[in-house]
Amino acid sequence: MQKGNKILIVEDEFIVANDLRMILKKNGYEVVGIASSVSQAKTIIATTKPNWVLLDILLKGSETGIDLAIELNKLELPFLFISANTNQGILEAVKETRPYGFLTKPFREKDLFIMLDIANERLNSENKAEEPKIKSIENRSLKNQLIGTSPALNEVLSQVELVAPTDTSVLLLGESGTGKEKIAQALHQLSLRKQQPLVVVNCAAIPLSLMESELFGHEKGAFTGAQNRRIGKFELADGGTIFLDEIGELPLEAQTKLLRVLQEQEIDRVGGELPVKINVRIIAATNRNLEQEVALGNFRLDLYYRLNIFPIAIPPLRERTGDIEVLANYFLAFYATKLKKNVTAFSAHVLANMQAYPWPGNIREMQHLIERTVLLAKDPIINDMVFTEHLESKISDFSSQKLASLEEIEREHILRVLESCKGKISGPGGATEILQISSSSLYSKMKKFGIKSDFY
């Protein structure tokens, strides 16, 4: 946030508000007033026209900071929350007001200014207008990477076009299989960093004991087995972009270290003596509800707001029904070529079933399902498709059946072998050859299980 901006503080505890005022004034910000209630805040806003509002949630009177936030949105006046309240219900209500940040009390002076800078960066990203010529080129490039024309996807593409040329951090939100990594790749390819590396990190796949070494690297001899210096993922991405997939799975200890890296733009190798400066753009993704994880104490609120500068919600496939046929035909052509199969189209019946299916696994489920269907296809037109939920239903039906004993299974198997051999016991192609037991053993088992010739 630029120094000199006019800021209104809305806080019902005078000591807290006055400390905040002194901190801001000391660092070059103009504080236009302190309000302890919503009505008082409205009066000051009308007369002083602040650029930003810092507000608490609980205020004097019957109205809260959330009520004021709704009014600020109508005035198009940006605001940030500063509160000690991290109750899940409150956080959900706060999220609905679309604040530019949320700082938890008590906070460090340094954290306050980092949040103000993040808020200003996000506001500038939203206000930035792209050149029409560049946007047209980007749009064509995006269409080549991301398949579909539905309104839901077009909204995502417009957000990607807006934020890609900047260095703003992006948080991709969506269910598993919706294509978050594809969006991350598009953001990188449309950025000024596209000639530099895009490093992908699956946070859920790194063991906690190796987390620090994998992300930040280590020096030779830093620990047992560290025979050479290792460059971590952040250093590998220097000058480019790092994609932190499944960020919601990151342990709290690792979150603390990651937050420092994002704030300071430097990393400490394990066993290193001096920090290493890095220049990295952050793209993170999760299928978790991070506000809920914050309320449960599983995710740091300050890290959430550091990552959530520019969130992009990627819709599930069931909300992109207009794209289902286009995607299905794309995967059909791809796998028909890859598997060298003469499969050219879906029947109208199969297409209708695909439109009606909820796709719980989203695009990834469709991709794998079509690959399997093409592999099994015997005709150029696909007339039948077994959806995942039907397979799961069969598995469920099987698991609910009464489990047979080992002897029952053995008896059934011997009967099937005898039937396939047409009752031949020994010799080439006989039951003993298939079962790999002697004739005497087979006769003994047949007697034990009551298997007679009339059974087979």
Protein backbone atom coordinates (compact mmCIF):
# COMPACT_ATOMS: atom_id res chain seq x y z
CA MET A 1 0.00 0.00 0.00
CA GLN A 2 1.42 3.37 -0.96
CA LYS A 3 2.44 5.62 1.88
CA GLY A 4 0.31 8.74 2.05
CA ASN A 5 -2.89 6.77 1.53
CA LYS A 6 -5.69 7.93 3.83
CA ILE A 7 -6.75 5.21 6.27
CA LEU A 8 -9.74 5.03 8.61
CA ILE A 9 -9.44 2.80 11.69
CA VAL A 10 -12.69 1.24 12.94
CA GLU A 11 -11.95 -0.32 16.35
CA ASP A 12 -13.93 -0.17 19.61
CA GLU A 13 -10.89 -0.60 21.92
CA PHE A 14 -9.26 2.84 22.06
CA ILE A 15 -5.84 1.61 23.23
CA VAL A 16 -5.59 -0.85 20.31
CA ALA A 17 -6.86 1.78 17.85
CA ASN A 18 -4.44 4.43 19.10
CA ASP A 19 -1.46 2.06 18.92
CA LEU A 20 -2.45 1.23 15.36
CA ARG A 21 -2.75 4.94 14.51
CA MET A 22 0.75 5.68 15.85
CA ILE A 23 2.29 2.74 13.96
CA LEU A 24 0.70 3.87 10.70
CA LYS A 25 1.62 7.56 11.12
CA LYS A 26 5.21 6.65 12.04
CA ASN A 27 5.51 4.81 8.73
CA GLY A 28 4.12 7.57 6.54
CA TYR A 29 0.39 6.76 6.38
CA GLU A 30 -2.31 9.37 7.00
CA VAL A 31 -4.94 8.27 9.54
CA VAL A 32 -8.11 10.28 8.93
CA GLY A 33 -9.88 9.14 12.09
CA ILE A 34 -10.78 6.44 14.60
CA ALA A 35 -14.36 5.15 14.81
CA SER A 36 -15.72 2.81 17.49
CA SER A 37 -19.08 2.10 15.83
CA VAL A 38 -20.56 1.65 12.36
CA SER A 39 -22.54 4.91 12.54
CA GLN A 40 -19.45 6.89 13.55
CA ALA A 41 -17.44 5.25 10.74
CA LYS A 42 -20.05 6.24 8.14
CA THR A 43 -19.88 9.87 9.28
CA ILE A 44 -16.07 9.98 9.03
CA ILE A 45 -16.13 8.27 5.61
CA ALA A 46 -18.59 10.85 4.28
CA THR A 47 -16.41 13.78 5.36
CA THR A 48 -12.82 12.52 4.88
CA LYS A 49 -13.06 10.10 1.89
CA PRO A 50 -10.43 7.56 3.03
CA ASN A 51 -8.63 5.26 0.55
CA TRP A 52 -8.72 2.24 2.89
CA VAL A 53 -10.56 1.10 6.02
CA LEU A 54 -9.08 -1.14 8.73
CA LEU A 55 -11.92 -2.58 10.79
CA ASP A 56 -12.55 -4.92 13.68
CA ILE A 57 -15.51 -7.33 13.66
CA LEU A 58 -17.02 -6.59 17.08
CA LEU A 59 -17.85 -2.89 17.52
CA LYS A 60 -19.97 -0.70 19.78
CA GLY A 61 -23.68 -0.70 19.06
CA SER A 62 -25.86 -3.32 17.39
CA GLU A 63 -23.99 -3.35 14.06
CA THR A 64 -20.72 -5.21 13.43
CA GLY A 65 -17.72 -4.76 11.19
CA ILE A 66 -19.32 -7.22 8.79
CA ASP A 67 -22.35 -4.92 8.47
CA LEU A 68 -20.00 -2.03 7.70
CA ALA A 69 -18.09 -4.15 5.18
CA ILE A 70 -21.30 -4.66 3.18
CA GLU A 71 -21.73 -0.88 3.01
CA LEU A 72 -18.08 -0.40 2.03
CA ASN A 73 -18.56 -2.76 -0.90
CA LYS A 74 -21.43 -0.61 -2.13
CA LEU A 75 -19.13 2.43 -1.90
CA GLU A 76 -16.34 0.47 -3.66
CA LEU A 77 -14.08 1.35 -0.74
CA PRO A 78 -11.43 -1.34 -0.05
CA PHE A 79 -11.07 -2.64 3.49
CA LEU A 80 -9.17 -5.11 5.66
CA PHE A 81 -10.20 -6.87 8.85
CA ILE A 82 -8.06 -6.83 11.99
CA SER A 83 -9.60 -9.09 14.61
CA ALA A 84 -8.92 -11.72 17.27
CA ASN A 85 -11.97 -13.71 16.16
CA THR A 86 -11.22 -16.83 14.05
CA ASN A 87 -14.51 -18.66 14.62
CA GLN A 88 -15.46 -20.64 11.49
CA GLY A 89 -18.90 -19.09 11.20
CA ILE A 90 -17.44 -15.60 11.53
CA LEU A 91 -14.74 -16.37 8.95
CA GLU A 92 -17.37 -17.57 6.48
CA ALA A 93 -19.30 -14.32 6.96
CA VAL A 94 -16.09 -12.32 6.56
CA LYS A 95 -15.24 -14.16 3.34
CA GLU A 96 -18.63 -13.20 1.87
CA THR A 97 -17.71 -9.52 2.21
CA ARG A 98 -14.58 -10.01 0.03
CA PRO A 99 -12.00 -8.19 2.19
CA TYR A 100 -8.49 -7.48 0.93
CA GLY A 101 -6.95 -9.10 3.99
CA PHE A 102 -7.44 -10.41 7.50
CA LEU A 103 -4.87 -9.88 10.24
CA THR A 104 -5.18 -11.77 13.52
CA LYS A 105 -4.64 -9.98 16.83
CA PRO A 106 -2.13 -9.76 18.35
CA PHE A 107 0.12 -9.01 15.38
CA ARG A 108 3.63 -7.79 14.73
CA GLU A 109 4.19 -4.37 13.20
CA LYS A 110 5.96 -6.08 10.32
CA ASP A 111 2.94 -8.32 9.65
CA LEU A 112 0.67 -5.27 9.41
CA PHE A 113 2.73 -3.70 6.63
CA ILE A 114 3.10 -6.97 4.75
CA MET A 115 -0.69 -7.29 4.79
CA LEU A 116 -1.10 -3.70 3.57
CA ASP A 117 1.33 -4.36 0.71
CA ILE A 118 -0.51 -7.56 -0.23
CA ALA A 119 -3.84 -5.74 -0.18
CA ASN A 120 -2.52 -3.00 -2.44
CA GLU A 121 -1.02 -5.56 -4.81
CA ARG A 122 -4.35 -7.35 -5.06
CA LEU A 123 -6.24 -4.11 -5.67
CA ASN A 124 -3.81 -3.11 -8.42
CA SER A 125 -4.21 -6.53 -10.06
CA GLU A 126 -7.97 -6.16 -10.12
CA ASN A 127 -7.78 -2.63 -11.53
CA LYS A 128 -5.15 -3.35 -14.17
CA ALA A 129 -6.46 -3.26 -17.73
CA GLU A 130 -4.75 -5.39 -20.40
CA GLU A 131 -3.89 -4.06 -23.87
CA PRO A 132 -6.49 -5.39 -26.39
CA LYS A 133 -3.82 -6.71 -28.78
CA ILE A 134 -2.02 -8.65 -26.07
CA LYS A 135 -5.28 -9.98 -24.67
CA SER A 136 -6.28 -11.32 -28.10
CA ILE A 137 -3.00 -13.21 -28.43
CA GLU A 138 -3.33 -14.55 -24.89
CA ASN A 139 -6.89 -15.65 -25.54
CA ARG A 140 -5.85 -17.73 -28.54
CA SER A 141 -3.02 -19.27 -26.54
CA LEU A 142 -5.36 -20.10 -23.68
CA LYS A 143 -7.89 -21.74 -26.01
CA ASN A 144 -5.13 -24.06 -27.23
CA GLN A 145 -4.35 -25.17 -23.67
CA LEU A 146 -7.76 -25.28 -22.00
CA ILE A 147 -10.62 -27.03 -23.78
CA GLY A 148 -14.17 -25.74 -23.59
CA THR A 149 -16.42 -22.75 -24.27
CA SER A 150 -18.82 -22.82 -21.31
CA PRO A 151 -19.49 -19.57 -19.39
CA ALA A 152 -17.94 -21.11 -16.26
CA LEU A 153 -14.66 -21.84 -18.05
CA ASN A 154 -14.65 -18.49 -19.85
CA GLU A 155 -14.85 -16.75 -16.48
CA VAL A 156 -11.74 -18.67 -15.37
CA LEU A 157 -9.95 -17.79 -18.62
CA SER A 158 -10.69 -14.09 -18.18
CA GLN A 159 -9.20 -14.19 -14.67
CA VAL A 160 -6.13 -16.03 -15.97
CA GLU A 161 -5.67 -13.41 -18.70
CA LEU A 162 -5.91 -10.63 -16.12
CA VAL A 163 -3.41 -11.93 -13.59
CA ALA A 164 -0.96 -13.96 -15.71
CA PRO A 165 1.30 -11.04 -16.84
CA THR A 166 1.79 -9.88 -13.23
CA ASP A 167 3.86 -11.36 -10.41
CA THR A 168 0.81 -11.57 -8.14
CA SER A 169 0.41 -14.78 -6.12
CA VAL A 170 -2.53 -16.92 -7.26
CA LEU A 171 -4.54 -19.46 -5.27
CA LEU A 172 -6.37 -22.07 -7.37
CA LEU A 173 -9.42 -23.53 -5.64
CA GLY A 174 -11.32 -26.55 -6.89
CA GLU A 175 -12.15 -30.22 -6.51
CA SER A 176 -9.67 -32.94 -7.42
CA GLY A 177 -9.41 -33.55 -11.14
CA THR A 178 -10.69 -30.13 -12.29
CA GLY A 179 -7.42 -29.19 -14.03
CA LYS A 180 -5.68 -26.96 -11.49
CA GLU A 181 -2.22 -27.90 -12.79
CA LYS A 182 -3.31 -27.02 -16.35
CA ILE A 183 -4.38 -23.58 -15.13
CA ALA A 184 -1.03 -23.17 -13.34
CA GLN A 185 0.79 -24.04 -16.57
CA ALA A 186 -1.30 -21.50 -18.47
CA LEU A 187 -0.53 -18.79 -15.89
CA HIS A 188 3.18 -19.49 -16.25
CA GLN A 189 3.16 -19.64 -20.06
CA LEU A 190 1.33 -16.32 -20.30
CA SER A 191 3.64 -14.59 -17.82
CA LEU A 192 6.89 -12.67 -18.33
CA ARG A 193 8.60 -15.62 -16.59
CA LYS A 194 7.67 -18.16 -19.28
CA GLN A 195 11.30 -18.61 -20.40
CA GLN A 196 12.23 -19.60 -16.84
CA PRO A 197 11.32 -22.88 -15.08
CA LEU A 198 7.93 -23.87 -13.72
CA VAL A 199 8.62 -26.14 -10.74
CA VAL A 200 5.72 -28.31 -9.57
CA VAL A 201 5.60 -29.44 -5.93
CA ASN A 202 3.01 -31.87 -4.59
CA CYS A 203 2.95 -30.86 -0.93
CA ALA A 204 0.96 -33.98 0.02
CA ALA A 205 3.65 -36.31 -1.35
CA ILE A 206 6.63 -35.02 0.65
CA PRO A 207 7.29 -36.72 4.02
CA LEU A 208 7.46 -34.24 6.91
CA SER A 209 11.04 -35.31 7.72
CA LEU A 210 12.16 -34.34 4.20
CA MET A 211 9.94 -31.28 3.73
CA GLU A 212 12.52 -28.61 4.57
CA SER A 213 15.26 -30.27 2.54
CA GLU A 214 12.98 -30.78 -0.49
CA LEU A 215 11.67 -27.20 -0.51
CA PHE A 216 14.74 -25.25 0.58
CA GLY A 217 17.68 -27.60 -0.03
CA HIS A 218 20.57 -28.58 2.24
CA GLU A 219 24.32 -28.23 2.52
CA LYS A 220 26.77 -31.12 2.42
CA GLY A 221 26.98 -32.73 5.86
CA ALA A 222 23.84 -31.00 7.14
CA PHE A 223 22.57 -34.35 8.44
CA THR A 224 23.34 -38.05 8.21
CA GLY A 225 23.29 -39.06 4.56
CA ALA A 226 23.71 -35.51 3.19
CA GLN A 227 26.81 -36.33 1.16
CA ASN A 228 26.33 -33.47 -1.30
CA ARG A 229 24.71 -30.07 -1.45
CA ARG A 230 21.09 -30.29 -2.64
CA ILE A 231 19.28 -27.43 -4.33
CA GLY A 232 15.66 -27.19 -3.14
CA LYS A 233 12.53 -26.59 -5.19
CA PHE A 234 12.41 -22.85 -4.46
CA GLU A 235 15.97 -22.32 -5.71
CA LEU A 236 15.25 -24.42 -8.79
CA ALA A 237 12.33 -22.09 -9.54
CA ASP A 238 14.43 -18.91 -9.12
CA GLY A 239 13.41 -16.41 -11.78
CA GLY A 240 10.38 -18.52 -12.67
CA THR A 241 7.28 -19.93 -11.01
CA ILE A 242 6.70 -22.49 -8.27
CA PHE A 243 3.40 -24.36 -8.20
CA LEU A 244 2.55 -25.61 -4.70
CA ASP A 245 -0.14 -28.21 -5.33
CA GLU A 246 -2.21 -29.56 -2.41
CA ILE A 247 -1.07 -26.66 -0.21
CA GLY A 248 -3.79 -27.57 2.29
CA GLU A 249 -1.87 -30.76 3.17
CA LEU A 250 1.19 -28.83 4.34
CA PRO A 251 1.96 -29.43 8.06
CA LEU A 252 1.86 -26.39 10.36
CA GLU A 253 5.61 -26.48 10.96
CA ALA A 254 6.25 -26.29 7.22
CA GLN A 255 3.61 -23.55 6.86
CA THR A 256 5.57 -21.32 9.25
CA LYS A 257 8.75 -21.72 7.22
CA LEU A 258 6.91 -21.20 3.95
CA LEU A 259 5.35 -17.99 5.25
CA ARG A 260 8.81 -16.60 6.03
CA VAL A 261 10.01 -17.46 2.52
CA LEU A 262 7.03 -15.67 0.98
CA GLN A 263 7.53 -12.60 3.15
CA GLU A 264 11.32 -12.30 2.90
CA GLN A 265 11.86 -13.77 -0.59
CA GLU A 266 14.79 -15.76 0.76
CA ILE A 267 15.39 -19.33 1.86
CA ASP A 268 17.69 -21.01 4.35
CA ARG A 269 19.24 -24.27 3.23
CA VAL A 270 19.36 -26.91 5.96
CA GLY A 271 22.82 -26.59 7.48
CA GLY A 272 23.48 -23.31 5.68
CA GLU A 273 25.00 -20.26 7.36
CA LEU A 274 23.55 -17.48 5.19
CA PRO A 275 20.11 -17.00 3.61
CA VAL A 276 19.79 -17.28 -0.17
CA LYS A 277 17.78 -14.61 -2.00
CA ILE A 278 15.22 -15.90 -4.51
CA ASN A 279 12.86 -14.34 -7.05
CA VAL A 280 9.88 -16.66 -7.43
CA ARG A 281 6.24 -16.27 -8.37
CA ILE A 282 3.87 -18.36 -6.23
CA ILE A 283 0.90 -20.33 -7.54
CA ALA A 284 -0.79 -22.57 -4.96
CA ALA A 285 -3.71 -24.97 -5.28
CA THR A 286 -5.98 -26.91 -2.96
CA ASN A 287 -9.17 -28.95 -2.95
CA ARG A 288 -9.72 -28.17 0.75
CA ASN A 289 -11.82 -25.43 2.32
CA LEU A 290 -8.96 -23.36 3.72
CA GLU A 291 -11.24 -21.10 5.77
CA GLN A 292 -12.50 -24.20 7.54
CA GLU A 293 -8.94 -25.45 8.00
CA VAL A 294 -8.01 -22.07 9.54
CA ALA A 295 -10.96 -22.31 11.96
CA LEU A 296 -9.89 -25.85 12.92
CA GLY A 297 -6.32 -24.68 13.56
CA ASN A 298 -4.89 -26.71 10.68
CA PHE A 299 -3.86 -23.80 8.48
CA ARG A 300 -2.28 -20.46 9.35
CA LEU A 301 -4.55 -17.49 8.75
CA ASP A 302 -1.64 -15.20 7.82
CA LEU A 303 -0.39 -17.74 5.26
CA TYR A 304 -3.90 -18.07 3.84
CA TYR A 305 -4.15 -14.35 3.19
CA ARG A 306 -0.59 -14.25 1.85
CA LEU A 307 -1.53 -16.88 -0.74
CA ASN A 308 -5.09 -15.66 -1.33
CA ILE A 309 -4.19 -12.42 -3.09
CA PHE A 310 -5.87 -13.51 -6.31
CA PRO A 311 -8.06 -16.61 -5.89
CA ILE A 312 -9.42 -18.42 -8.95
CA ALA A 313 -12.25 -20.91 -8.36
CA ILE A 314 -12.14 -23.68 -10.97
CA PRO A 315 -15.62 -25.13 -11.55
CA PRO A 316 -16.28 -28.89 -11.35
CA LEU A 317 -17.17 -30.65 -14.59
CA ARG A 318 -20.84 -31.01 -13.55
CA GLU A 319 -21.05 -27.19 -13.76
CA ARG A 320 -19.53 -27.24 -17.26
CA THR A 321 -22.05 -29.46 -19.02
CA GLY A 322 -21.59 -27.48 -22.23
CA ASP A 323 -17.96 -28.64 -22.33
CA ILE A 324 -18.59 -32.36 -21.74
CA GLU A 325 -19.03 -33.35 -25.39
CA VAL A 326 -16.05 -31.25 -26.52
CA LEU A 327 -13.79 -32.75 -23.84
CA ALA A 328 -15.04 -36.27 -24.50
CA ASN A 329 -14.34 -35.99 -28.24
CA TYR A 330 -10.88 -34.57 -27.53
CA PHE A 331 -9.96 -37.51 -25.27
CA LEU A 332 -11.53 -39.98 -27.73
CA ALA A 333 -9.36 -38.72 -30.60
CA PHE A 334 -6.27 -38.59 -28.37
CA TYR A 335 -6.55 -42.16 -27.08
CA ALA A 336 -7.68 -43.61 -30.40
CA THR A 337 -4.43 -42.29 -31.89
CA LYS A 338 -2.29 -43.28 -28.91
CA LEU A 339 -3.72 -46.82 -28.70
CA LYS A 340 -3.93 -47.22 -32.51
CA LYS A 341 -7.65 -48.04 -32.34
CA ASN A 342 -10.23 -47.37 -35.04
CA VAL A 343 -12.67 -45.58 -32.75
CA THR A 344 -14.22 -42.42 -34.14
CA ALA A 345 -17.31 -41.35 -32.17
CA PHE A 346 -19.74 -41.82 -29.29
CA SER A 347 -23.34 -42.83 -29.87
CA ALA A 348 -26.06 -40.33 -28.99
CA HIS A 349 -27.05 -42.59 -26.09
CA VAL A 350 -23.55 -42.54 -24.58
CA LEU A 351 -23.27 -38.74 -25.02
CA ALA A 352 -26.60 -38.29 -23.23
CA ASN A 353 -25.40 -40.51 -20.37
CA MET A 354 -22.20 -38.47 -20.10
CA GLN A 355 -24.23 -35.26 -19.88
CA ALA A 356 -26.37 -36.73 -17.08
CA TYR A 357 -23.47 -38.27 -15.11
CA PRO A 358 -22.26 -36.11 -12.13
CA TRP A 359 -18.51 -36.76 -12.73
CA PRO A 360 -17.36 -36.85 -9.10
CA GLY A 361 -13.76 -37.24 -10.30
CA ASN A 362 -14.15 -34.40 -12.82
CA ILE A 363 -11.95 -34.19 -15.94
CA ARG A 364 -9.41 -36.71 -14.64
CA GLU A 365 -12.18 -39.28 -14.21
CA MET A 366 -13.43 -38.62 -17.75
CA GLN A 367 -9.93 -38.95 -19.17
CA HIS A 368 -9.28 -42.33 -17.52
CA LEU A 369 -12.78 -43.60 -18.31
CA ILE A 370 -12.46 -42.79 -22.01
CA GLU A 371 -8.98 -44.33 -22.17
CA ARG A 372 -10.37 -47.59 -20.75
CA THR A 373 -13.42 -47.46 -23.03
CA VAL A 374 -11.31 -46.90 -26.16
CA LEU A 375 -9.00 -49.75 -25.14
CA LEU A 376 -11.94 -52.16 -24.82
CA ALA A 377 -13.84 -50.88 -27.87
CA LYS A 378 -14.50 -53.37 -30.71
CA ASP A 379 -16.42 -51.04 -33.03
CA PRO A 380 -15.74 -47.55 -34.44
CA ILE A 381 -18.76 -46.18 -32.55
CA ILE A 382 -18.81 -46.43 -28.74
CA ASN A 383 -22.30 -47.63 -27.82
CA ASP A 384 -21.75 -48.38 -24.15
CA MET A 385 -19.75 -46.88 -21.29
CA VAL A 386 -19.49 -48.20 -17.75
CA PHE A 387 -19.23 -45.20 -15.42
CA THR A 388 -17.16 -45.26 -12.26
CA GLU A 389 -20.16 -45.15 -9.92
CA HIS A 390 -21.49 -48.31 -11.60
CA LEU A 391 -18.17 -50.07 -11.02
CA GLU A 392 -18.23 -48.96 -7.39
CA SER A 393 -21.79 -50.28 -7.10
CA LYS A 394 -20.64 -53.68 -8.34
CA ILE A 395 -17.77 -53.69 -5.87
CA SER A 396 -20.20 -52.71 -3.10
CA ASP A 397 -22.56 -55.51 -4.11
CA PHE A 398 -19.69 -57.99 -4.06
CA SER A 399 -18.45 -56.82 -0.68
CA SER A 400 -21.95 -57.14 0.80
CA GLN A 401 -22.22 -60.79 -0.21
CA LYS A 402 -21.58 -63.54 2.34
CA LEU A 403 -17.91 -64.45 2.23
CA ALA A 404 -17.17 -68.09 1.40
CA SER A 405 -14.91 -70.31 3.47
CA LEU A 406 -11.58 -71.54 2.07
CA GLU A 407 -13.01 -75.03 1.61
CA GLU A 408 -16.03 -73.66 -0.30
CA ILE A 409 -13.74 -71.72 -2.60
CA GLU A 410 -11.52 -74.78 -3.16
CA ARG A 411 -14.53 -77.01 -3.95
CA GLU A 412 -15.93 -74.45 -6.42
CA HIS A 413 -12.57 -74.12 -8.15
CA ILE A 414 -12.12 -77.89 -8.54
CA LEU A 415 -15.64 -78.14 -10.02
CA ARG A 416 -14.89 -75.40 -12.55
CA VAL A 417 -11.64 -77.09 -13.59
CA LEU A 418 -13.36 -80.46 -13.99
CA GLU A 419 -16.08 -78.87 -16.10
CA SER A 420 -13.51 -77.18 -18.34
CA CYS A 421 -11.65 -80.51 -18.76
CA LYS A 422 -14.93 -82.34 -19.45
CA GLY A 423 -14.20 -84.66 -16.52
CA LYS A 424 -10.70 -85.67 -17.62
CA ILE A 425 -8.65 -86.26 -14.45
CA SER A 426 -5.08 -86.94 -15.59
CA GLY A 427 -2.90 -86.68 -18.69
CA PRO A 428 -2.35 -83.67 -20.99
CA GLY A 429 -5.10 -81.12 -20.52
CA GLY A 430 -6.44 -82.97 -17.49
CA ALA A 431 -7.54 -81.47 -14.18
CA THR A 432 -4.39 -82.63 -12.34
CA GLU A 433 -2.20 -80.77 -14.85
CA ILE A 434 -4.15 -77.52 -14.36
CA LEU A 435 -4.40 -77.85 -10.57
CA GLN A 436 -0.77 -79.08 -10.34
CA ILE A 437 -1.58 -81.87 -7.89
CA SER A 438 -1.39 -85.66 -8.13
CA SER A 439 -4.34 -87.83 -9.17
CA SER A 440 -4.55 -89.36 -5.69
CA SER A 441 -4.70 -85.89 -4.10
CA LEU A 442 -7.45 -84.83 -6.49
CA TYR A 443 -9.52 -87.96 -5.84
CA SER A 444 -9.05 -87.43 -2.10
CA LYS A 445 -10.32 -83.85 -2.35
CA MET A 446 -13.25 -84.89 -4.55
CA LYS A 447 -14.25 -87.46 -1.92
CA LYS A 448 -13.84 -84.89 0.86
CA PHE A 449 -16.03 -82.30 -0.91
CA GLY A 450 -18.59 -84.85 -2.16
CA ILE A 451 -17.84 -84.18 -5.82
CA LYS A 452 -19.22 -86.96 -8.04
CA SER A 453 -19.25 -87.35 -11.79
CA ASP A 454 -22.86 -86.20 -12.07
CA PHE A 455 -21.78 -82.76 -10.74
CA TYR A 456 -19.61 -82.18 -13.77
